[in-house]
Amino acid sequence: MRRTDIIIDYRGEQYVCEMKIWRGNEYNSRGERQLIGYLDDYHLTKGYMVSFNFNKNKKTGVQKLLMEGRTIVEAVV
């Protein structure tokens, strides 16, 4: 298996979280694809991504994305 950023094991469930520093839309899209790969590795349908954005005019918040039959909950902080 590949190396993931955070895997939380809680009460028999696994939660995979990818952490990124915001470096633009293309880099963010690659991070989402990377997370989909981890979800495949762990046979999960839902994953989490936290993007740290240090731009002054950043748009923060949480959004839910559907990609290839999987759900990504992405937070930009």
N, C-alpha and C. Protein backbone atom coordinates (compact mmCIF):
# COMPACT_ATOMS: atom_id res chain seq x y z
N MET A 1 0.83 -1.19 0.00
CA MET A 1 0.00 0.00 0.00
C MET A 1 0.87 1.25 0.00
N ARG A 2 0.28 2.31 -0.45
CA ARG A 2 1.00 3.57 -0.48
C ARG A 2 0.96 4.25 0.88
N ARG A 3 1.76 5.24 1.05
CA ARG A 3 1.86 5.97 2.31
C ARG A 3 0.80 7.07 2.37
N THR A 4 -0.07 6.99 3.34
CA THR A 4 -1.12 7.99 3.51
C THR A 4 -0.74 8.96 4.62
N ASP A 5 -1.38 10.15 4.62
CA ASP A 5 -1.08 11.15 5.63
C ASP A 5 -1.64 10.76 7.00
N ILE A 6 -2.95 10.52 7.08
CA ILE A 6 -3.58 10.19 8.35
C ILE A 6 -4.60 9.07 8.13
N ILE A 7 -4.52 8.05 8.96
CA ILE A 7 -5.53 7.00 8.99
C ILE A 7 -6.00 6.90 10.44
N ILE A 8 -7.27 7.11 10.64
CA ILE A 8 -7.85 7.04 11.98
C ILE A 8 -8.64 5.74 12.08
N ASP A 9 -8.30 4.93 13.05
CA ASP A 9 -9.06 3.71 13.35
C ASP A 9 -9.90 4.02 14.59
N TYR A 10 -11.21 4.00 14.42
CA TYR A 10 -12.11 4.32 15.53
C TYR A 10 -13.28 3.36 15.54
N ARG A 11 -13.37 2.58 16.60
CA ARG A 11 -14.47 1.62 16.78
C ARG A 11 -14.67 0.71 15.56
N GLY A 12 -13.57 0.21 15.05
CA GLY A 12 -13.64 -0.73 13.94
C GLY A 12 -13.79 -0.10 12.56
N GLU A 13 -13.86 1.21 12.49
CA GLU A 13 -13.96 1.92 11.21
C GLU A 13 -12.64 2.63 10.92
N GLN A 14 -12.32 2.77 9.63
CA GLN A 14 -11.13 3.50 9.22
C GLN A 14 -11.53 4.76 8.48
N TYR A 15 -10.81 5.84 8.77
CA TYR A 15 -11.03 7.13 8.14
C TYR A 15 -9.70 7.60 7.58
N VAL A 16 -9.68 7.89 6.26
CA VAL A 16 -8.45 8.31 5.59
C VAL A 16 -8.53 9.81 5.32
N CYS A 17 -7.47 10.52 5.72
CA CYS A 17 -7.44 11.97 5.54
C CYS A 17 -6.14 12.37 4.85
N GLU A 18 -6.26 13.14 3.80
CA GLU A 18 -5.12 13.67 3.06
C GLU A 18 -4.98 15.15 3.41
N MET A 19 -3.77 15.59 3.66
CA MET A 19 -3.52 16.98 4.02
C MET A 19 -2.63 17.61 2.96
N LYS A 20 -3.02 18.82 2.51
CA LYS A 20 -2.29 19.51 1.45
C LYS A 20 -2.15 20.99 1.79
N ILE A 21 -1.10 21.58 1.25
CA ILE A 21 -0.97 23.04 1.26
C ILE A 21 -1.48 23.51 -0.09
N TRP A 22 -2.36 24.51 -0.10
CA TRP A 22 -2.97 25.00 -1.34
C TRP A 22 -1.89 25.60 -2.24
N ARG A 23 -1.79 25.03 -3.43
CA ARG A 23 -0.84 25.52 -4.44
C ARG A 23 -1.52 25.65 -5.79
N GLY A 24 -2.83 25.87 -5.76
CA GLY A 24 -3.58 26.05 -7.00
C GLY A 24 -4.51 24.89 -7.29
N ASN A 25 -5.39 25.12 -8.27
CA ASN A 25 -6.42 24.14 -8.61
C ASN A 25 -5.86 22.82 -9.12
N GLU A 26 -4.82 22.89 -9.95
CA GLU A 26 -4.24 21.66 -10.51
C GLU A 26 -3.64 20.79 -9.41
N TYR A 27 -2.91 21.41 -8.52
CA TYR A 27 -2.31 20.67 -7.40
C TYR A 27 -3.39 20.08 -6.51
N ASN A 28 -4.47 20.83 -6.29
CA ASN A 28 -5.59 20.36 -5.48
C ASN A 28 -6.26 19.16 -6.14
N SER A 29 -6.44 19.21 -7.45
CA SER A 29 -7.04 18.09 -8.17
C SER A 29 -6.19 16.83 -8.07
N ARG A 30 -4.88 16.99 -8.12
CA ARG A 30 -3.98 15.84 -7.95
C ARG A 30 -4.12 15.25 -6.55
N GLY A 31 -4.32 16.11 -5.55
CA GLY A 31 -4.54 15.64 -4.19
C GLY A 31 -5.83 14.84 -4.07
N GLU A 32 -6.87 15.29 -4.73
CA GLU A 32 -8.14 14.55 -4.73
C GLU A 32 -7.97 13.19 -5.38
N ARG A 33 -7.25 13.13 -6.49
CA ARG A 33 -6.99 11.85 -7.17
C ARG A 33 -6.15 10.93 -6.27
N GLN A 34 -5.19 11.51 -5.58
CA GLN A 34 -4.36 10.74 -4.66
C GLN A 34 -5.23 10.12 -3.57
N LEU A 35 -6.16 10.90 -3.02
CA LEU A 35 -7.06 10.40 -1.99
C LEU A 35 -7.95 9.28 -2.53
N ILE A 36 -8.44 9.41 -3.75
CA ILE A 36 -9.24 8.34 -4.36
C ILE A 36 -8.42 7.04 -4.42
N GLY A 37 -7.13 7.16 -4.74
CA GLY A 37 -6.26 5.98 -4.75
C GLY A 37 -6.15 5.34 -3.38
N TYR A 38 -6.03 6.15 -2.35
CA TYR A 38 -5.97 5.61 -0.98
C TYR A 38 -7.29 4.94 -0.60
N LEU A 39 -8.39 5.52 -1.00
CA LEU A 39 -9.70 4.92 -0.71
C LEU A 39 -9.80 3.56 -1.39
N ASP A 40 -9.27 3.45 -2.60
CA ASP A 40 -9.24 2.16 -3.28
C ASP A 40 -8.40 1.16 -2.48
N ASP A 41 -7.24 1.60 -2.01
CA ASP A 41 -6.35 0.71 -1.24
C ASP A 41 -7.03 0.15 0.00
N TYR A 42 -7.83 0.98 0.66
CA TYR A 42 -8.47 0.58 1.92
C TYR A 42 -9.92 0.14 1.74
N HIS A 43 -10.37 0.06 0.50
CA HIS A 43 -11.74 -0.37 0.19
C HIS A 43 -12.78 0.48 0.90
N LEU A 44 -12.58 1.81 0.84
CA LEU A 44 -13.49 2.77 1.47
C LEU A 44 -14.19 3.59 0.40
N THR A 45 -15.32 4.16 0.75
CA THR A 45 -16.07 4.99 -0.20
C THR A 45 -16.10 6.46 0.21
N LYS A 46 -15.55 6.79 1.38
CA LYS A 46 -15.56 8.17 1.85
C LYS A 46 -14.21 8.52 2.44
N GLY A 47 -13.68 9.69 2.03
CA GLY A 47 -12.39 10.16 2.54
C GLY A 47 -12.45 11.65 2.82
N TYR A 48 -11.39 12.14 3.43
CA TYR A 48 -11.35 13.53 3.89
C TYR A 48 -10.06 14.18 3.42
N MET A 49 -10.16 15.46 3.07
CA MET A 49 -8.99 16.21 2.65
C MET A 49 -9.03 17.58 3.31
N VAL A 50 -7.89 17.97 3.89
CA VAL A 50 -7.76 19.29 4.51
C VAL A 50 -6.70 20.04 3.71
N SER A 51 -7.09 21.20 3.18
CA SER A 51 -6.17 22.04 2.42
C SER A 51 -5.89 23.31 3.22
N PHE A 52 -4.61 23.58 3.45
CA PHE A 52 -4.21 24.79 4.16
C PHE A 52 -3.89 25.86 3.14
N ASN A 53 -4.69 26.93 3.14
CA ASN A 53 -4.54 28.00 2.16
C ASN A 53 -4.07 29.25 2.88
N PHE A 54 -2.88 29.72 2.53
CA PHE A 54 -2.30 30.89 3.18
C PHE A 54 -2.48 32.17 2.36
N ASN A 55 -3.27 32.12 1.28
CA ASN A 55 -3.55 33.32 0.47
C ASN A 55 -4.42 34.28 1.25
N LYS A 56 -4.22 35.57 1.05
CA LYS A 56 -5.01 36.59 1.75
C LYS A 56 -6.48 36.54 1.35
N ASN A 57 -6.75 36.28 0.09
CA ASN A 57 -8.13 36.29 -0.42
C ASN A 57 -8.68 34.87 -0.58
N LYS A 58 -8.35 34.01 0.36
CA LYS A 58 -8.76 32.62 0.25
C LYS A 58 -10.26 32.45 0.50
N LYS A 59 -10.78 31.39 -0.07
CA LYS A 59 -12.17 31.00 0.16
C LYS A 59 -12.13 29.76 1.04
N THR A 60 -12.56 29.91 2.29
CA THR A 60 -12.53 28.80 3.22
C THR A 60 -13.89 28.12 3.27
N GLY A 61 -13.91 26.94 3.85
CA GLY A 61 -15.18 26.24 4.03
C GLY A 61 -15.02 24.75 3.79
N VAL A 62 -16.14 24.06 3.90
CA VAL A 62 -16.18 22.61 3.72
C VAL A 62 -17.13 22.30 2.57
N GLN A 63 -16.71 21.42 1.70
CA GLN A 63 -17.58 20.99 0.60
C GLN A 63 -17.49 19.48 0.45
N LYS A 64 -18.54 18.92 -0.09
CA LYS A 64 -18.60 17.48 -0.33
C LYS A 64 -18.55 17.26 -1.84
N LEU A 65 -17.61 16.43 -2.28
CA LEU A 65 -17.44 16.13 -3.70
C LEU A 65 -17.74 14.66 -3.95
N LEU A 66 -18.32 14.37 -5.10
CA LEU A 66 -18.52 12.99 -5.53
C LEU A 66 -17.60 12.74 -6.71
N MET A 67 -16.71 11.76 -6.55
CA MET A 67 -15.76 11.42 -7.61
C MET A 67 -15.69 9.91 -7.74
N GLU A 68 -15.96 9.41 -8.91
CA GLU A 68 -15.84 7.98 -9.21
C GLU A 68 -16.56 7.11 -8.18
N GLY A 69 -17.74 7.53 -7.79
CA GLY A 69 -18.53 6.77 -6.86
C GLY A 69 -18.08 6.87 -5.41
N ARG A 70 -17.20 7.79 -5.13
CA ARG A 70 -16.70 7.99 -3.77
C ARG A 70 -17.00 9.42 -3.32
N THR A 71 -17.06 9.60 -2.02
CA THR A 71 -17.34 10.93 -1.45
C THR A 71 -16.07 11.46 -0.81
N ILE A 72 -15.72 12.70 -1.17
CA ILE A 72 -14.60 13.39 -0.54
C ILE A 72 -15.17 14.60 0.19
N VAL A 73 -14.88 14.68 1.48
CA VAL A 73 -15.24 15.84 2.28
C VAL A 73 -13.98 16.67 2.36
N GLU A 74 -14.02 17.86 1.75
CA GLU A 74 -12.82 18.69 1.64
C GLU A 74 -13.00 19.99 2.41
N ALA A 75 -12.06 20.26 3.30
CA ALA A 75 -12.08 21.49 4.09
C ALA A 75 -10.89 22.35 3.69
N VAL A 76 -11.16 23.62 3.42
CA VAL A 76 -10.11 24.58 3.12
C VAL A 76 -10.02 25.53 4.32
N VAL A 77 -8.85 25.58 4.93
CA VAL A 77 -8.66 26.44 6.10
C VAL A 77 -7.52 27.39 5.87
